[in-house]
């Protein structure tokens, strides 16, 4: 699909015989895959969807996940080497396959990420080796492996409704904070805040927001978000079991088991 042929406005899923929201987003993934541009049309469409989504009251349980696209921060005119490499090496069978949320102290949730290694291509298996070393991910318990087809888990976060840290965006979101020192996350997760909004029932979209300032100082959550100058490094999806049938058809690698 050429970028010239795509509207700046996100495609509205049609009722009846039209594409479902997940089908539209799978097309966005194909459109963004391997692009060397840092701000192509598809990123603007995803941003519009994110801005129009609503902050859910609660997110609890296991959700399969898909990375839609990566970007090299918000640098204007910069080449998107990160997305190009991602698209060429990992996008067709990525290591990250979802998140889990457990109710903690109301209205806060604790969470963790899931990764897949079995029956995957060489580059995915290699990336898992890197993630085991860099992010300290660990083998998932047998019950979780059987239930969700994941092999590893790691990258802890605390989640709650909060004001977005996205620069210039005045919006309430469901925020996944990896930055709290008590979580013990290593580089680069200790600079990360994920944010999600619900764009359809059980379907969540969000950006990866990494701090680009005060990187060598202890994180202080009481400081205004602008002090950390968060930048968008990509978009991801989370899907509840309501979407299982379509997810297996469109993103079969999310639980690639023999």
Protein backbone atom coordinates (compact mmCIF):
# COMPACT_ATOMS: atom_id res chain seq x y z
CA UNK A 1 0.00 0.00 0.00
CA UNK A 2 1.66 3.24 -1.08
CA UNK A 3 1.70 6.13 1.37
CA UNK A 4 0.43 8.49 -1.34
CA UNK A 5 -2.77 6.47 -1.63
CA UNK A 6 -3.52 6.60 2.11
CA UNK A 7 -5.59 9.35 3.71
CA UNK A 8 -4.16 11.40 6.57
CA UNK A 9 -7.26 10.48 8.57
CA UNK A 10 -7.35 7.03 10.19
CA UNK A 11 -9.62 4.59 8.40
CA UNK A 12 -12.89 4.25 10.32
CA UNK A 13 -13.80 0.57 10.68
CA UNK A 14 -17.04 -0.16 8.87
CA UNK A 15 -20.04 -1.93 10.33
CA UNK A 16 -21.42 -4.90 8.46
CA UNK A 17 -19.09 -6.02 5.68
CA UNK A 18 -16.29 -3.49 6.23
CA UNK A 19 -12.93 -4.11 7.90
CA UNK A 20 -12.81 -4.61 11.64
CA UNK A 21 -10.62 -2.33 13.79
CA UNK A 22 -8.02 -5.09 14.08
CA UNK A 23 -7.91 -5.58 10.32
CA UNK A 24 -7.35 -1.84 9.83
CA UNK A 25 -4.53 -1.85 12.37
CA UNK A 26 -2.92 -4.89 10.76
CA UNK A 27 -2.84 -2.87 7.51
CA UNK A 28 -1.16 -0.03 9.39
CA UNK A 29 1.52 -2.48 10.53
CA UNK A 30 2.13 -3.56 6.93
CA UNK A 31 2.28 0.06 5.85
CA UNK A 32 4.82 1.01 8.52
CA UNK A 33 6.93 -2.15 8.28
CA UNK A 34 10.54 -1.34 7.45
CA UNK A 35 9.93 2.34 6.62
CA UNK A 36 13.00 4.57 6.82
CA UNK A 37 10.84 7.65 7.37
CA UNK A 38 10.51 8.83 10.95
CA UNK A 39 7.08 10.45 10.59
CA UNK A 40 5.18 8.76 7.74
CA UNK A 41 1.44 9.06 7.32
CA UNK A 42 0.76 5.88 9.29
CA UNK A 43 2.30 7.39 12.45
CA UNK A 44 0.02 10.39 12.18
CA UNK A 45 -2.99 8.11 11.79
CA UNK A 46 -1.99 6.11 14.86
CA UNK A 47 -1.49 9.31 16.82
CA UNK A 48 -4.99 10.49 15.85
CA UNK A 49 -6.47 7.18 17.00
CA UNK A 50 -4.59 7.46 20.28
CA UNK A 51 -5.83 11.00 20.86
CA UNK A 52 -9.44 9.94 20.21
CA UNK A 53 -9.33 6.85 22.44
CA UNK A 54 -10.59 6.79 26.02
CA UNK A 55 -8.77 5.89 29.21
CA UNK A 56 -10.17 2.58 30.55
CA UNK A 57 -11.23 2.38 34.18
CA UNK A 58 -9.46 -0.94 34.70
CA UNK A 59 -7.17 -3.27 32.77
CA UNK A 60 -6.76 -6.66 34.42
CA UNK A 61 -5.61 -10.08 33.27
CA UNK A 62 -3.58 -11.27 30.29
CA UNK A 63 -3.55 -9.40 26.96
CA UNK A 64 -1.80 -10.44 23.76
CA UNK A 65 0.29 -7.67 22.23
CA UNK A 66 1.57 -6.56 18.84
CA UNK A 67 4.19 -3.93 18.06
CA UNK A 68 2.84 -1.86 15.16
CA UNK A 69 5.87 0.30 14.40
CA UNK A 70 9.04 1.76 15.87
CA UNK A 71 10.53 5.21 15.44
CA UNK A 72 13.72 7.07 16.31
CA UNK A 73 12.14 9.43 18.81
CA UNK A 74 10.58 12.69 17.65
CA UNK A 75 13.58 14.05 15.79
CA UNK A 76 12.31 15.90 12.68
CA UNK A 77 13.88 14.76 9.43
CA UNK A 78 15.85 11.95 11.05
CA UNK A 79 16.12 8.58 9.36
CA UNK A 80 14.16 5.80 11.05
CA UNK A 81 16.89 3.16 11.23
CA UNK A 82 15.21 1.60 14.26
CA UNK A 83 11.98 0.87 12.39
CA UNK A 84 13.86 -0.28 9.29
CA UNK A 85 15.82 -2.88 11.24
CA UNK A 86 12.74 -3.90 13.20
CA UNK A 87 10.74 -4.37 10.01
CA UNK A 88 13.47 -6.37 8.28
CA UNK A 89 14.47 -8.61 11.16
CA UNK A 90 11.71 -8.91 13.78
CA UNK A 91 8.34 -7.48 12.74
CA UNK A 92 7.10 -10.72 11.19
CA UNK A 93 7.84 -12.70 14.36
CA UNK A 94 8.66 -10.33 17.24
CA UNK A 95 9.81 -11.46 20.68
CA UNK A 96 7.31 -9.37 22.67
CA UNK A 97 3.79 -10.90 22.67
CA UNK A 98 1.80 -9.26 25.46
CA UNK A 99 1.34 -7.99 28.99
CA UNK A 100 -0.29 -9.11 32.19
CA UNK A 101 -2.05 -6.92 34.79
CA UNK A 102 -2.87 -7.81 38.39
CA UNK A 103 -4.91 -5.61 40.72
CA UNK A 104 -2.72 -4.18 43.47
CA UNK A 105 -3.77 -1.34 45.76
CA UNK A 106 -6.86 0.25 44.21
CA UNK A 107 -6.81 1.92 41.72
CA UNK A 108 -3.30 0.68 40.91
CA UNK A 109 -2.24 -2.45 39.00
CA UNK A 110 1.07 -4.24 38.79
CA UNK A 111 2.14 -5.66 35.47
CA UNK A 112 4.75 -7.53 33.46
CA UNK A 113 5.60 -8.30 29.81
CA UNK A 114 5.60 -11.66 28.01
CA UNK A 115 8.00 -12.87 25.31
CA UNK A 116 8.02 -15.77 22.86
CA UNK A 117 11.07 -17.74 21.74
CA UNK A 118 9.99 -21.29 20.83
CA UNK A 119 9.50 -22.18 17.15
CA UNK A 120 10.70 -18.75 16.05
CA UNK A 121 13.22 -17.55 13.40
CA UNK A 122 16.90 -17.01 14.14
CA UNK A 123 16.67 -13.23 14.70
CA UNK A 124 13.87 -13.63 17.24
CA UNK A 125 15.80 -16.27 19.18
CA UNK A 126 18.86 -14.02 19.11
CA UNK A 127 16.82 -11.06 20.35
CA UNK A 128 15.59 -13.17 23.28
CA UNK A 129 19.21 -13.91 24.20
CA UNK A 130 19.89 -10.16 24.19
CA UNK A 131 16.76 -9.44 26.23
CA UNK A 132 17.72 -12.07 28.80
CA UNK A 133 21.02 -10.27 29.25
CA UNK A 134 19.89 -6.64 28.97
CA UNK A 135 16.36 -6.68 30.44
CA UNK A 136 16.90 -9.67 32.75
CA UNK A 137 13.78 -11.47 31.50
CA UNK A 138 13.24 -14.88 33.05
CA UNK A 139 11.53 -18.14 32.02
CA UNK A 140 7.76 -18.01 32.48
CA UNK A 141 6.11 -20.53 34.82
CA UNK A 142 4.78 -23.66 33.14
CA UNK A 143 1.12 -22.70 33.64
CA UNK A 144 1.64 -19.38 31.87
CA UNK A 145 3.60 -21.05 29.07
CA UNK A 146 0.72 -23.45 28.46
CA UNK A 147 -2.03 -20.86 28.81
CA UNK A 148 -0.59 -18.10 26.61
CA UNK A 149 2.23 -19.64 24.59
CA UNK A 150 4.89 -17.40 26.13
CA UNK A 151 8.41 -18.47 27.10
CA UNK A 152 9.76 -15.54 29.14
CA UNK A 153 8.50 -12.67 31.25
CA UNK A 154 10.06 -9.45 32.52
CA UNK A 155 9.92 -5.68 32.49
CA UNK A 156 7.76 -4.83 35.48
CA UNK A 157 5.51 -1.78 35.62
CA UNK A 158 2.87 -0.08 37.76
CA UNK A 159 -0.33 0.92 35.96
CA UNK A 160 -3.08 3.43 36.74
CA UNK A 161 -5.14 6.19 35.17
CA UNK A 162 -3.10 9.38 34.93
CA UNK A 163 -2.50 12.49 32.86
CA UNK A 164 -0.48 11.70 29.73
CA UNK A 165 3.22 12.59 29.66
CA UNK A 166 3.05 12.88 25.85
CA UNK A 167 4.37 16.37 25.03
CA UNK A 168 1.56 18.80 24.27
CA UNK A 169 -1.24 16.29 24.88
CA UNK A 170 -3.74 17.18 27.60
CA UNK A 171 -5.42 13.80 28.03
CA UNK A 172 -6.14 11.18 30.66
CA UNK A 173 -4.73 7.76 29.78
CA UNK A 174 -4.04 4.40 31.40
CA UNK A 175 -0.35 4.73 32.18
CA UNK A 176 2.22 1.93 32.53
CA UNK A 177 5.15 3.29 34.50
CA UNK A 178 8.45 1.36 34.36
CA UNK A 179 10.44 4.21 35.87
CA UNK A 180 9.87 3.76 39.60
CA UNK A 181 13.20 2.94 41.21
CA UNK A 182 11.55 0.28 43.41
CA UNK A 183 10.77 -1.80 40.29
CA UNK A 184 14.47 -2.29 39.60
CA UNK A 185 14.16 -2.12 35.82
CA UNK A 186 17.46 -1.87 33.90
CA UNK A 187 18.30 0.34 30.90
CA UNK A 188 16.38 1.18 28.74
CA UNK A 189 13.16 0.28 30.60
CA UNK A 190 13.99 2.60 33.48
CA UNK A 191 13.35 5.51 31.08
CA UNK A 192 10.03 4.14 29.72
CA UNK A 193 6.39 5.04 30.24
CA UNK A 194 3.78 3.21 28.12
CA UNK A 195 0.34 4.72 27.74
CA UNK A 196 -2.81 3.01 26.43
CA UNK A 197 -6.32 4.05 25.51
CA UNK A 198 -9.27 1.89 24.49
CA UNK A 199 -10.18 2.32 20.81
CA UNK A 200 -12.76 -0.49 20.73
CA UNK A 201 -14.04 -2.92 23.34
CA UNK A 202 -11.02 -4.87 24.62
CA UNK A 203 -8.67 -3.27 22.06
CA UNK A 204 -5.99 -0.88 23.32
CA UNK A 205 -3.50 1.33 21.48
CA UNK A 206 -0.55 3.21 22.90
CA UNK A 207 2.86 4.79 22.36
CA UNK A 208 6.25 3.90 23.83
CA UNK A 209 7.40 7.09 25.57
CA UNK A 210 11.06 7.25 26.58
CA UNK A 211 12.60 10.08 28.58
CA UNK A 212 15.30 11.99 26.70
CA UNK A 213 16.36 14.36 29.51
CA UNK A 214 17.75 13.96 33.04
CA UNK A 215 18.91 10.47 32.10
CA UNK A 216 21.73 10.35 34.64
CA UNK A 217 19.71 11.57 37.61
CA UNK A 218 17.52 9.56 39.93
CA UNK A 219 13.96 9.47 38.66
CA UNK A 220 11.64 11.81 40.56
CA UNK A 221 7.96 11.15 39.71
CA UNK A 222 6.94 14.40 41.40
CA UNK A 223 8.67 16.47 38.71
CA UNK A 224 6.60 17.77 35.76
CA UNK A 225 6.75 15.44 32.75
CA UNK A 226 8.29 18.20 30.63
CA UNK A 227 11.44 17.96 32.75
CA UNK A 228 12.06 14.52 31.23
CA UNK A 229 11.11 15.47 27.65
CA UNK A 230 9.39 12.21 26.72
CA UNK A 231 9.55 11.21 23.05
CA UNK A 232 7.47 8.73 21.05
CA UNK A 233 9.47 5.66 20.00
CA UNK A 234 6.63 3.59 18.54
CA UNK A 235 3.12 2.18 18.90
CA UNK A 236 1.74 -1.12 20.17
CA UNK A 237 -1.58 -2.93 20.55
CA UNK A 238 -3.07 -4.94 23.40
CA UNK A 239 -6.00 -7.29 22.79
CA UNK A 240 -8.37 -9.01 25.20
CA UNK A 241 -9.65 -12.53 24.53
CA UNK A 242 -12.64 -10.95 22.77
CA UNK A 243 -10.33 -10.61 19.75
CA UNK A 244 -8.82 -14.10 19.88
CA UNK A 245 -10.28 -15.36 16.61
CA UNK A 246 -9.13 -12.36 14.56
CA UNK A 247 -5.85 -12.13 16.41
CA UNK A 248 -4.95 -15.71 15.54
CA UNK A 249 -5.78 -15.04 11.90
CA UNK A 250 -4.00 -11.67 11.59
CA UNK A 251 -1.13 -12.15 14.08
CA UNK A 252 -0.61 -15.91 14.43
CA UNK A 253 2.88 -15.48 15.88
CA UNK A 254 1.43 -14.10 19.15
CA UNK A 255 0.99 -17.69 20.37
CA UNK A 256 3.04 -19.73 17.91
CA UNK A 257 2.89 -23.21 19.45
CA UNK A 258 3.22 -26.61 17.83
